[in-house]
Amino acid sequence: MIRSTFSVCLGALGLLATPLAAEEPSARTLVWADEFNAPELDRDKWGVVGPEFWVNNEQQAYVDAPAVLSIVDGLAGADGGALMLRPVFKPGVDPHPDRKADFLSGRVESQGKFDFTYGRAEARIRMPDATGVWPAFWLLGNDTWPGTGEIDIMEYVGEKDWVGVALHGPGYSGETPLVNKFFFPEGDDVTGWHVYAVEWKKDELLFQVDGHTTYRVTRPMVENYGKWAFDNPKYLILNFAMGGAYPFKTNGIEQPYNGVPQATVDRVEAGEVAMLVDWVRVYAPLEE
């Protein structure tokens, strides 16, 4: 993948706004990070998912291509380069014989390259105002889902005033009861830069937005439903899905795509929809 300024695209995405205040640096031990300042995606840190992957009736095919997955410069409020994951509208090119998705998009993950057990994972992300999109930042166990657990640090389904978090595991997967929404204060929303994080401890998880805890899940809460699946290594995932189960459950839109209205299709075609990731960092657990 090549680094690009995407000058026209960045203007369309509204990325020339006044930068937000930078986050204070952490004094904790940093164990892994990607600042996305290299000319290309660091393939020693990330693998790229291809079109064979399909879940949740999502409306995109994942591909490894600069059109959907690139490092960009020139973003207002970003510290250097940033990862851009974005959907493109390309009917008729999906190679999957059963899916026939009209969108292409990007997904990167650290499986086989980096995982960890306990600590803090955080990412600074800016998202689009577009109904029916489904970008996410999350952690997944290395064995069969949901047995080794899933930690959804941030997922967004296109209603710009809130983001969701969730835990999935044996007995609490899919429509999990361990889920919560964070609503931004008035005058703020997902289109600004925000730091989404989880503090993952032996017996609890704290979900945070911009350093403020928004949801706390304890081992006893989880064990009301099934086995605690958060004592094993998990890897990082960043992806941009389109439509599918969660957006459709939220907005009820059926046409032209499951969970995706025509207005969002039009914005995708205009190059106005992207998930921008300034950096991802993982810290060692706090000493207690």
C-alpha atoms as a PDB file:
ATOM      1  CA  MET A   1       0.000   0.000   0.000  1.00  0.00           C
ATOM      2  CA  ILE A   2       1.184   3.513  -0.749  1.00  0.00           C
ATOM      3  CA  ARG A   3       0.975   6.607   1.398  1.00  0.00           C
ATOM      4  CA  SER A   4      -1.247   9.234  -0.147  1.00  0.00           C
ATOM      5  CA  THR A   5      -2.409  12.730   0.698  1.00  0.00           C
ATOM      6  CA  PHE A   6      -5.892  12.045  -0.711  1.00  0.00           C
ATOM      7  CA  SER A   7      -6.359  15.798  -0.912  1.00  0.00           C
ATOM      8  CA  VAL A   8      -9.781  15.690  -2.556  1.00  0.00           C
ATOM      9  CA  CYS A   9     -10.976  12.866  -0.328  1.00  0.00           C
ATOM     10  CA  LEU A  10      -9.762  14.547   2.857  1.00  0.00           C
ATOM     11  CA  GLY A  11     -11.632  17.691   2.008  1.00  0.00           C
ATOM     12  CA  ALA A  12     -14.800  15.708   1.363  1.00  0.00           C
ATOM     13  CA  LEU A  13     -14.370  13.937   4.675  1.00  0.00           C
ATOM     14  CA  GLY A  14     -14.236  17.271   6.490  1.00  0.00           C
ATOM     15  CA  LEU A  15     -10.713  16.684   7.775  1.00  0.00           C
ATOM     16  CA  LEU A  16      -9.600  20.295   7.751  1.00  0.00           C
ATOM     17  CA  ALA A  17     -11.323  21.193  10.990  1.00  0.00           C
ATOM     18  CA  THR A  18      -9.559  22.661  14.012  1.00  0.00           C
ATOM     19  CA  PRO A  19      -7.453  19.956  15.703  1.00  0.00           C
ATOM     20  CA  LEU A  20      -8.656  18.634  19.015  1.00  0.00           C
ATOM     21  CA  ALA A  21      -6.440  18.785  22.084  1.00  0.00           C
ATOM     22  CA  ALA A  22      -3.853  16.022  22.214  1.00  0.00           C
ATOM     23  CA  GLU A  23      -4.130  13.272  24.786  1.00  0.00           C
ATOM     24  CA  GLU A  24      -1.657  13.333  27.655  1.00  0.00           C
ATOM     25  CA  PRO A  25       1.078  10.684  27.217  1.00  0.00           C
ATOM     26  CA  SER A  26       0.872   7.720  29.542  1.00  0.00           C
ATOM     27  CA  ALA A  27       3.598   6.924  32.061  1.00  0.00           C
ATOM     28  CA  ARG A  28       2.836   3.212  31.802  1.00  0.00           C
ATOM     29  CA  THR A  29       4.990   0.572  30.135  1.00  0.00           C
ATOM     30  CA  LEU A  30       4.233   0.448  26.435  1.00  0.00           C
ATOM     31  CA  VAL A  31       4.462  -3.125  25.109  1.00  0.00           C
ATOM     32  CA  TRP A  32       3.221  -2.688  21.512  1.00  0.00           C
ATOM     33  CA  ALA A  33       2.152   0.203  19.301  1.00  0.00           C
ATOM     34  CA  ASP A  34       1.583   1.360  15.769  1.00  0.00           C
ATOM     35  CA  GLU A  35       1.641   5.117  15.163  1.00  0.00           C
ATOM     36  CA  PHE A  36       0.952   4.657  11.413  1.00  0.00           C
ATOM     37  CA  ASN A  37       3.808   6.972  10.484  1.00  0.00           C
ATOM     38  CA  ALA A  38       5.510   4.622   8.006  1.00  0.00           C
ATOM     39  CA  PRO A  39       4.840   4.955   4.260  1.00  0.00           C
ATOM     40  CA  GLU A  40       2.885   1.680   4.233  1.00  0.00           C
ATOM     41  CA  LEU A  41       1.021  -0.594   6.633  1.00  0.00           C
ATOM     42  CA  ASP A  42       3.534  -2.470   8.814  1.00  0.00           C
ATOM     43  CA  ARG A  43       3.047  -6.090   7.754  1.00  0.00           C
ATOM     44  CA  ASP A  44       5.197  -7.250  10.678  1.00  0.00           C
ATOM     45  CA  LYS A  45       2.435  -5.957  12.967  1.00  0.00           C
ATOM     46  CA  TRP A  46      -0.726  -6.496  10.927  1.00  0.00           C
ATOM     47  CA  GLY A  47      -2.228  -9.097   8.657  1.00  0.00           C
ATOM     48  CA  VAL A  48      -4.921  -8.154   6.141  1.00  0.00           C
ATOM     49  CA  VAL A  49      -8.144 -10.155   5.846  1.00  0.00           C
ATOM     50  CA  GLY A  50      -9.321 -11.182   2.377  1.00  0.00           C
ATOM     51  CA  PRO A  51     -12.679 -11.738   0.663  1.00  0.00           C
ATOM     52  CA  GLU A  52     -13.149 -15.299   1.914  1.00  0.00           C
ATOM     53  CA  PHE A  53     -14.183 -13.910   5.325  1.00  0.00           C
ATOM     54  CA  TRP A  54     -17.923 -13.307   5.824  1.00  0.00           C
ATOM     55  CA  VAL A  55     -20.083 -12.960   8.966  1.00  0.00           C
ATOM     56  CA  ASN A  56     -23.239 -11.228  10.219  1.00  0.00           C
ATOM     57  CA  ASN A  57     -24.742 -10.694   6.746  1.00  0.00           C
ATOM     58  CA  GLU A  58     -22.321  -7.805   6.250  1.00  0.00           C
ATOM     59  CA  GLN A  59     -22.502  -6.122   2.868  1.00  0.00           C
ATOM     60  CA  GLN A  60     -18.787  -5.805   2.104  1.00  0.00           C
ATOM     61  CA  ALA A  61     -15.978  -8.004   0.827  1.00  0.00           C
ATOM     62  CA  TYR A  62     -12.635  -7.416   2.519  1.00  0.00           C
ATOM     63  CA  VAL A  63      -9.719  -6.903   0.151  1.00  0.00           C
ATOM     64  CA  ASP A  64      -6.053  -5.941   0.410  1.00  0.00           C
ATOM     65  CA  ALA A  65      -5.922  -2.835  -1.743  1.00  0.00           C
ATOM     66  CA  PRO A  66      -4.887   0.835  -1.363  1.00  0.00           C
ATOM     67  CA  ALA A  67      -8.407   1.949  -2.276  1.00  0.00           C
ATOM     68  CA  VAL A  68      -9.748   0.605   1.042  1.00  0.00           C
ATOM     69  CA  LEU A  69      -6.633   0.380   3.214  1.00  0.00           C
ATOM     70  CA  SER A  70      -3.887   3.008   3.271  1.00  0.00           C
ATOM     71  CA  ILE A  71      -1.694   5.283   5.354  1.00  0.00           C
ATOM     72  CA  VAL A  72      -2.572   8.954   4.863  1.00  0.00           C
ATOM     73  CA  ASP A  73      -1.121  12.333   5.791  1.00  0.00           C
ATOM     74  CA  GLY A  74      -2.683  15.730   6.202  1.00  0.00           C
ATOM     75  CA  LEU A  75      -5.429  14.906   8.703  1.00  0.00           C
ATOM     76  CA  ALA A  76      -6.370  17.785  10.980  1.00  0.00           C
ATOM     77  CA  GLY A  77      -5.824  16.792  14.598  1.00  0.00           C
ATOM     78  CA  ALA A  78      -3.769  13.679  13.829  1.00  0.00           C
ATOM     79  CA  ASP A  79      -0.240  13.183  15.123  1.00  0.00           C
ATOM     80  CA  GLY A  80       1.594  12.317  11.914  1.00  0.00           C
ATOM     81  CA  GLY A  81       0.146   9.662   9.634  1.00  0.00           C
ATOM     82  CA  ALA A  82      -3.020   7.657  10.175  1.00  0.00           C
ATOM     83  CA  LEU A  83      -4.544   4.408   8.987  1.00  0.00           C
ATOM     84  CA  MET A  84      -7.534   4.931   6.743  1.00  0.00           C
ATOM     85  CA  LEU A  85     -10.036   2.107   6.348  1.00  0.00           C
ATOM     86  CA  ARG A  86     -12.852   2.959   3.961  1.00  0.00           C
ATOM     87  CA  PRO A  87     -15.538   1.253   1.902  1.00  0.00           C
ATOM     88  CA  VAL A  88     -15.804   1.673  -1.849  1.00  0.00           C
ATOM     89  CA  PHE A  89     -18.814   0.876  -4.012  1.00  0.00           C
ATOM     90  CA  LYS A  90     -17.826  -1.772  -6.563  1.00  0.00           C
ATOM     91  CA  PRO A  91     -20.789  -3.930  -7.641  1.00  0.00           C
ATOM     92  CA  GLY A  92     -19.984  -7.098  -9.519  1.00  0.00           C
ATOM     93  CA  VAL A  93     -16.406  -7.691  -8.379  1.00  0.00           C
ATOM     94  CA  ASP A  94     -16.939  -9.760  -5.204  1.00  0.00           C
ATOM     95  CA  PRO A  95     -15.307 -13.169  -5.794  1.00  0.00           C
ATOM     96  CA  HIS A  96     -17.288 -14.948  -3.057  1.00  0.00           C
ATOM     97  CA  PRO A  97     -19.774 -17.298  -4.795  1.00  0.00           C
ATOM     98  CA  ASP A  98     -22.543 -16.921  -2.200  1.00  0.00           C
ATOM     99  CA  ARG A  99     -22.226 -13.320  -1.076  1.00  0.00           C
ATOM    100  CA  LYS A 100     -22.097 -10.914  -4.070  1.00  0.00           C
ATOM    101  CA  ALA A 101     -21.304  -7.882  -1.914  1.00  0.00           C
ATOM    102  CA  ASP A 102     -21.429  -4.523  -3.678  1.00  0.00           C
ATOM    103  CA  PHE A 103     -18.946  -2.875  -1.298  1.00  0.00           C
ATOM    104  CA  LEU A 104     -15.231  -3.521  -0.792  1.00  0.00           C
ATOM    105  CA  SER A 105     -13.545  -2.553   2.465  1.00  0.00           C
ATOM    106  CA  GLY A 106     -10.573  -3.186   4.768  1.00  0.00           C
ATOM    107  CA  ARG A 107      -9.827  -5.214   7.880  1.00  0.00           C
ATOM    108  CA  VAL A 108      -6.469  -5.593   9.639  1.00  0.00           C
ATOM    109  CA  GLU A 109      -5.609  -7.784  12.617  1.00  0.00           C
ATOM    110  CA  SER A 110      -2.543  -8.765  14.627  1.00  0.00           C
ATOM    111  CA  GLN A 111      -3.293 -12.494  14.877  1.00  0.00           C
ATOM    112  CA  GLY A 112      -0.086 -14.512  14.677  1.00  0.00           C
ATOM    113  CA  LYS A 113       1.998 -11.347  15.100  1.00  0.00           C
ATOM    114  CA  PHE A 114       0.974  -9.931  18.489  1.00  0.00           C
ATOM    115  CA  ASP A 115      -1.409 -10.843  21.278  1.00  0.00           C
ATOM    116  CA  PHE A 116      -1.553 -10.174  25.001  1.00  0.00           C
ATOM    117  CA  THR A 117      -3.330 -11.084  28.229  1.00  0.00           C
ATOM    118  CA  TYR A 118      -4.267  -8.214  30.583  1.00  0.00           C
ATOM    119  CA  GLY A 119      -3.269  -4.579  30.260  1.00  0.00           C
ATOM    120  CA  ARG A 120      -4.611  -1.573  28.413  1.00  0.00           C
ATOM    121  CA  ALA A 121      -5.433  -1.409  24.710  1.00  0.00           C
ATOM    122  CA  GLU A 122      -6.371   1.949  23.216  1.00  0.00           C
ATOM    123  CA  ALA A 123      -6.755   3.607  19.841  1.00  0.00           C
ATOM    124  CA  ARG A 124      -7.349   7.182  18.747  1.00  0.00           C
ATOM    125  CA  ILE A 125     -10.067   7.099  16.103  1.00  0.00           C
ATOM    126  CA  ARG A 126     -12.250   9.409  14.053  1.00  0.00           C
ATOM    127  CA  MET A 127     -15.371   8.066  12.346  1.00  0.00           C
ATOM    128  CA  PRO A 128     -17.864   9.209   9.715  1.00  0.00           C
ATOM    129  CA  ASP A 129     -21.437  10.392  10.090  1.00  0.00           C
ATOM    130  CA  ALA A 130     -23.027   7.710   7.903  1.00  0.00           C
ATOM    131  CA  THR A 131     -26.030   5.552   8.769  1.00  0.00           C
ATOM    132  CA  GLY A 132     -25.463   1.810   8.536  1.00  0.00           C
ATOM    133  CA  VAL A 133     -21.674   1.706   8.627  1.00  0.00           C
ATOM    134  CA  TRP A 134     -20.108  -0.689  11.156  1.00  0.00           C
ATOM    135  CA  PRO A 135     -16.457   0.138  11.940  1.00  0.00           C
ATOM    136  CA  ALA A 136     -14.960  -1.396  15.074  1.00  0.00           C
ATOM    137  CA  PHE A 137     -11.880  -1.734  17.296  1.00  0.00           C
ATOM    138  CA  TRP A 138     -11.814  -5.030  19.201  1.00  0.00           C
ATOM    139  CA  LEU A 139      -9.911  -7.992  20.656  1.00  0.00           C
ATOM    140  CA  LEU A 140     -10.449 -11.663  19.859  1.00  0.00           C
ATOM    141  CA  GLY A 141      -9.155 -14.920  21.338  1.00  0.00           C
ATOM    142  CA  ASN A 142      -7.053 -17.271  19.229  1.00  0.00           C
ATOM    143  CA  ASP A 143      -9.300 -20.337  19.291  1.00  0.00           C
ATOM    144  CA  THR A 144     -12.835 -21.102  18.126  1.00  0.00           C
ATOM    145  CA  TRP A 145     -15.368 -18.318  18.752  1.00  0.00           C
ATOM    146  CA  PRO A 146     -16.846 -17.681  21.254  1.00  0.00           C
ATOM    147  CA  GLY A 147     -14.938 -20.039  23.549  1.00  0.00           C
ATOM    148  CA  THR A 148     -11.881 -17.842  24.025  1.00  0.00           C
ATOM    149  CA  GLY A 149     -13.802 -14.587  24.190  1.00  0.00           C
ATOM    150  CA  GLU A 150     -14.289 -11.309  22.340  1.00  0.00           C
ATOM    151  CA  ILE A 151     -13.820  -7.806  23.741  1.00  0.00           C
ATOM    152  CA  ASP A 152     -15.500  -5.077  21.659  1.00  0.00           C
ATOM    153  CA  ILE A 153     -13.732  -1.891  22.723  1.00  0.00           C
ATOM    154  CA  MET A 154     -15.643   0.274  20.278  1.00  0.00           C
ATOM    155  CA  GLU A 155     -18.224  -0.495  17.628  1.00  0.00           C
ATOM    156  CA  TYR A 156     -20.268   2.066  15.769  1.00  0.00           C
ATOM    157  CA  VAL A 157     -23.363   1.566  13.619  1.00  0.00           C
ATOM    158  CA  GLY A 158     -23.825   5.021  12.153  1.00  0.00           C
ATOM    159  CA  GLU A 159     -25.742   6.964  14.819  1.00  0.00           C
ATOM    160  CA  LYS A 160     -23.110   9.568  15.549  1.00  0.00           C
ATOM    161  CA  ASP A 161     -24.143  10.398  19.118  1.00  0.00           C
ATOM    162  CA  TRP A 162     -23.145   6.990  20.571  1.00  0.00           C
ATOM    163  CA  VAL A 163     -20.769   4.051  20.415  1.00  0.00           C
ATOM    164  CA  GLY A 164     -21.140   0.564  21.862  1.00  0.00           C
ATOM    165  CA  VAL A 165     -19.020  -1.904  23.830  1.00  0.00           C
ATOM    166  CA  ALA A 166     -19.654  -5.598  24.434  1.00  0.00           C
ATOM    167  CA  LEU A 167     -18.265  -8.893  25.672  1.00  0.00           C
ATOM    168  CA  HIS A 168     -18.896 -12.230  23.975  1.00  0.00           C
ATOM    169  CA  GLY A 169     -18.091 -15.704  25.257  1.00  0.00           C
ATOM    170  CA  PRO A 170     -19.614 -19.131  25.917  1.00  0.00           C
ATOM    171  CA  GLY A 171     -23.212 -18.580  27.008  1.00  0.00           C
ATOM    172  CA  TYR A 172     -23.179 -14.858  26.229  1.00  0.00           C
ATOM    173  CA  SER A 173     -22.398 -14.551  22.521  1.00  0.00           C
ATOM    174  CA  GLY A 174     -24.341 -12.911  19.720  1.00  0.00           C
ATOM    175  CA  GLU A 175     -27.141 -11.082  21.515  1.00  0.00           C
ATOM    176  CA  THR A 176     -24.943 -10.753  24.587  1.00  0.00           C
ATOM    177  CA  PRO A 177     -26.374  -9.237  27.777  1.00  0.00           C
ATOM    178  CA  LEU A 178     -22.924  -7.775  28.481  1.00  0.00           C
ATOM    179  CA  VAL A 179     -23.298  -4.698  26.306  1.00  0.00           C
ATOM    180  CA  ASN A 180     -23.473  -0.960  26.841  1.00  0.00           C
ATOM    181  CA  LYS A 181     -23.827   2.312  24.924  1.00  0.00           C
ATOM    182  CA  PHE A 182     -21.921   5.516  25.589  1.00  0.00           C
ATOM    183  CA  PHE A 183     -23.674   8.720  24.515  1.00  0.00           C
ATOM    184  CA  PHE A 184     -21.421  11.675  23.815  1.00  0.00           C
ATOM    185  CA  PRO A 185     -22.096  14.947  25.625  1.00  0.00           C
ATOM    186  CA  GLU A 186     -23.959  17.655  23.750  1.00  0.00           C
ATOM    187  CA  GLY A 187     -21.835  19.244  21.058  1.00  0.00           C
ATOM    188  CA  ASP A 188     -19.591  16.200  20.627  1.00  0.00           C
ATOM    189  CA  ASP A 189     -19.872  13.017  18.577  1.00  0.00           C
ATOM    190  CA  VAL A 190     -17.926  10.261  16.811  1.00  0.00           C
ATOM    191  CA  THR A 191     -16.731  12.558  14.019  1.00  0.00           C
ATOM    192  CA  GLY A 192     -14.157  14.065  16.380  1.00  0.00           C
ATOM    193  CA  TRP A 193     -10.964  12.332  17.462  1.00  0.00           C
ATOM    194  CA  HIS A 194     -11.520  10.135  20.536  1.00  0.00           C
ATOM    195  CA  VAL A 195      -9.453   7.595  22.437  1.00  0.00           C
ATOM    196  CA  TYR A 196     -11.312   4.306  22.903  1.00  0.00           C
ATOM    197  CA  ALA A 197      -9.780   1.935  25.443  1.00  0.00           C
ATOM    198  CA  VAL A 198     -10.203  -1.112  27.633  1.00  0.00           C
ATOM    199  CA  GLU A 199      -8.436  -1.774  30.929  1.00  0.00           C
ATOM    200  CA  TRP A 200      -8.321  -5.559  31.003  1.00  0.00           C
ATOM    201  CA  LYS A 201      -7.680  -7.010  34.460  1.00  0.00           C
ATOM    202  CA  LYS A 202      -7.783 -10.509  35.901  1.00  0.00           C
ATOM    203  CA  ASP A 203     -11.326 -10.170  37.251  1.00  0.00           C
ATOM    204  CA  GLU A 204     -12.797  -7.104  35.532  1.00  0.00           C
ATOM    205  CA  LEU A 205     -12.778  -4.985  32.391  1.00  0.00           C
ATOM    206  CA  LEU A 206     -13.180  -1.216  32.295  1.00  0.00           C
ATOM    207  CA  PHE A 207     -14.240   0.375  29.013  1.00  0.00           C
ATOM    208  CA  GLN A 208     -13.249   4.006  28.520  1.00  0.00           C
ATOM    209  CA  VAL A 209     -13.743   6.939  26.153  1.00  0.00           C
ATOM    210  CA  ASP A 210     -11.176   9.736  26.425  1.00  0.00           C
ATOM    211  CA  GLY A 211     -10.029   8.395  29.785  1.00  0.00           C
ATOM    212  CA  HIS A 212     -13.506   8.266  31.334  1.00  0.00           C
ATOM    213  CA  THR A 213     -14.842   4.862  32.359  1.00  0.00           C
ATOM    214  CA  THR A 214     -18.157   4.191  30.616  1.00  0.00           C
ATOM    215  CA  TYR A 215     -18.804   0.537  31.520  1.00  0.00           C
ATOM    216  CA  ARG A 216     -17.423  -1.953  34.044  1.00  0.00           C
ATOM    217  CA  VAL A 217     -17.809  -5.715  33.763  1.00  0.00           C
ATOM    218  CA  THR A 218     -16.735  -8.065  36.556  1.00  0.00           C
ATOM    219  CA  ARG A 219     -16.082 -11.798  36.632  1.00  0.00           C
ATOM    220  CA  PRO A 220     -19.255 -12.492  38.688  1.00  0.00           C
ATOM    221  CA  MET A 221     -21.345 -10.553  36.143  1.00  0.00           C
ATOM    222  CA  VAL A 222     -19.976 -12.721  33.340  1.00  0.00           C
ATOM    223  CA  GLU A 223     -20.277 -15.967  35.262  1.00  0.00           C
ATOM    224  CA  ASN A 224     -24.016 -15.393  35.638  1.00  0.00           C
ATOM    225  CA  TYR A 225     -24.153 -16.383  31.965  1.00  0.00           C
ATOM    226  CA  GLY A 226     -21.181 -18.655  31.294  1.00  0.00           C
ATOM    227  CA  LYS A 227     -17.484 -19.278  31.642  1.00  0.00           C
ATOM    228  CA  TRP A 228     -15.127 -16.322  32.068  1.00  0.00           C
ATOM    229  CA  ALA A 229     -13.319 -16.183  28.724  1.00  0.00           C
ATOM    230  CA  PHE A 230     -10.905 -13.369  29.506  1.00  0.00           C
ATOM    231  CA  ASP A 231      -7.859 -15.164  30.903  1.00  0.00           C
ATOM    232  CA  ASN A 232      -6.209 -16.010  27.574  1.00  0.00           C
ATOM    233  CA  PRO A 233      -4.273 -14.081  24.894  1.00  0.00           C
ATOM    234  CA  LYS A 234      -6.190 -11.886  22.470  1.00  0.00           C
ATOM    235  CA  TYR A 235      -5.175 -10.089  19.295  1.00  0.00           C
ATOM    236  CA  LEU A 236      -6.169  -6.690  17.906  1.00  0.00           C
ATOM    237  CA  ILE A 237      -8.633  -6.009  15.093  1.00  0.00           C
ATOM    238  CA  LEU A 238      -9.575  -2.840  13.204  1.00  0.00           C
ATOM    239  CA  ASN A 239     -12.224  -3.192  10.519  1.00  0.00           C
ATOM    240  CA  PHE A 240     -14.804  -1.286   8.509  1.00  0.00           C
ATOM    241  CA  ALA A 241     -17.929  -3.338   7.860  1.00  0.00           C
ATOM    242  CA  MET A 242     -21.004  -2.162   5.972  1.00  0.00           C
ATOM    243  CA  GLY A 243     -24.522  -2.987   7.084  1.00  0.00           C
ATOM    244  CA  GLY A 244     -25.426  -6.413   8.407  1.00  0.00           C
ATOM    245  CA  ALA A 245     -26.951  -7.632  11.635  1.00  0.00           C
ATOM    246  CA  TYR A 246     -26.123  -4.872  14.133  1.00  0.00           C
ATOM    247  CA  PRO A 247     -26.828  -1.840  11.901  1.00  0.00           C
ATOM    248  CA  PHE A 248     -30.038  -3.462  10.668  1.00  0.00           C
ATOM    249  CA  LYS A 249     -31.140  -4.207  14.236  1.00  0.00           C
ATOM    250  CA  THR A 250     -30.553  -0.531  15.047  1.00  0.00           C
ATOM    251  CA  ASN A 251     -32.054   1.219  12.021  1.00  0.00           C
ATOM    252  CA  GLY A 252     -34.366  -1.375  10.410  1.00  0.00           C
ATOM    253  CA  ILE A 253     -33.324  -0.331   6.901  1.00  0.00           C
ATOM    254  CA  GLU A 254     -33.845  -3.038   4.269  1.00  0.00           C
ATOM    255  CA  GLN A 255     -33.129  -1.233   0.995  1.00  0.00           C
ATOM    256  CA  PRO A 256     -31.017  -0.819  -0.978  1.00  0.00           C
ATOM    257  CA  TYR A 257     -28.904  -2.969   1.369  1.00  0.00           C
ATOM    258  CA  ASN A 258     -29.438  -4.659   4.711  1.00  0.00           C
ATOM    259  CA  GLY A 259     -28.880  -1.861   7.227  1.00  0.00           C
ATOM    260  CA  VAL A 260     -27.568   0.648   4.649  1.00  0.00           C
ATOM    261  CA  PRO A 261     -29.676   3.495   3.152  1.00  0.00           C
ATOM    262  CA  GLN A 262     -29.151   5.034  -0.282  1.00  0.00           C
ATOM    263  CA  ALA A 263     -27.805   8.221   1.303  1.00  0.00           C
ATOM    264  CA  THR A 264     -24.850   6.278   2.719  1.00  0.00           C
ATOM    265  CA  VAL A 265     -24.267   4.533  -0.609  1.00  0.00           C
ATOM    266  CA  ASP A 266     -24.103   7.962  -2.235  1.00  0.00           C
ATOM    267  CA  ARG A 267     -21.579   9.207   0.334  1.00  0.00           C
ATOM    268  CA  VAL A 268     -19.436   6.087  -0.133  1.00  0.00           C
ATOM    269  CA  GLU A 269     -19.433   6.670  -3.889  1.00  0.00           C
ATOM    270  CA  ALA A 270     -18.389  10.285  -3.261  1.00  0.00           C
ATOM    271  CA  GLY A 271     -15.421   9.169  -1.125  1.00  0.00           C
ATOM    272  CA  GLU A 272     -16.805  10.772   2.046  1.00  0.00           C
ATOM    273  CA  VAL A 273     -16.863   7.734   4.351  1.00  0.00           C
ATOM    274  CA  ALA A 274     -13.811   6.454   6.244  1.00  0.00           C
ATOM    275  CA  MET A 275     -12.551   5.261   9.632  1.00  0.00           C
ATOM    276  CA  LEU A 276      -9.324   7.081  10.548  1.00  0.00           C
ATOM    277  CA  VAL A 277      -6.961   5.643  13.158  1.00  0.00           C
ATOM    278  CA  ASP A 278      -4.231   7.944  14.479  1.00  0.00           C
ATOM    279  CA  TRP A 279      -2.545   5.230  16.542  1.00  0.00           C
ATOM    280  CA  VAL A 280      -3.029   1.967  18.461  1.00  0.00           C
ATOM    281  CA  ARG A 281      -1.170   1.286  21.726  1.00  0.00           C
ATOM    282  CA  VAL A 282      -1.035  -1.558  24.225  1.00  0.00           C
ATOM    283  CA  TYR A 283       0.314  -1.089  27.748  1.00  0.00           C
ATOM    284  CA  ALA A 284       1.331  -3.565  30.425  1.00  0.00           C
ATOM    285  CA  PRO A 285      -1.045  -4.008  33.380  1.00  0.00           C
ATOM    286  CA  LEU A 286      -0.861  -1.557  36.219  1.00  0.00           C
ATOM    287  CA  GLU A 287       0.945  -2.846  39.267  1.00  0.00           C
ATOM    288  CA  GLU A 288      -1.499  -3.386  42.103  1.00  0.00           C
END
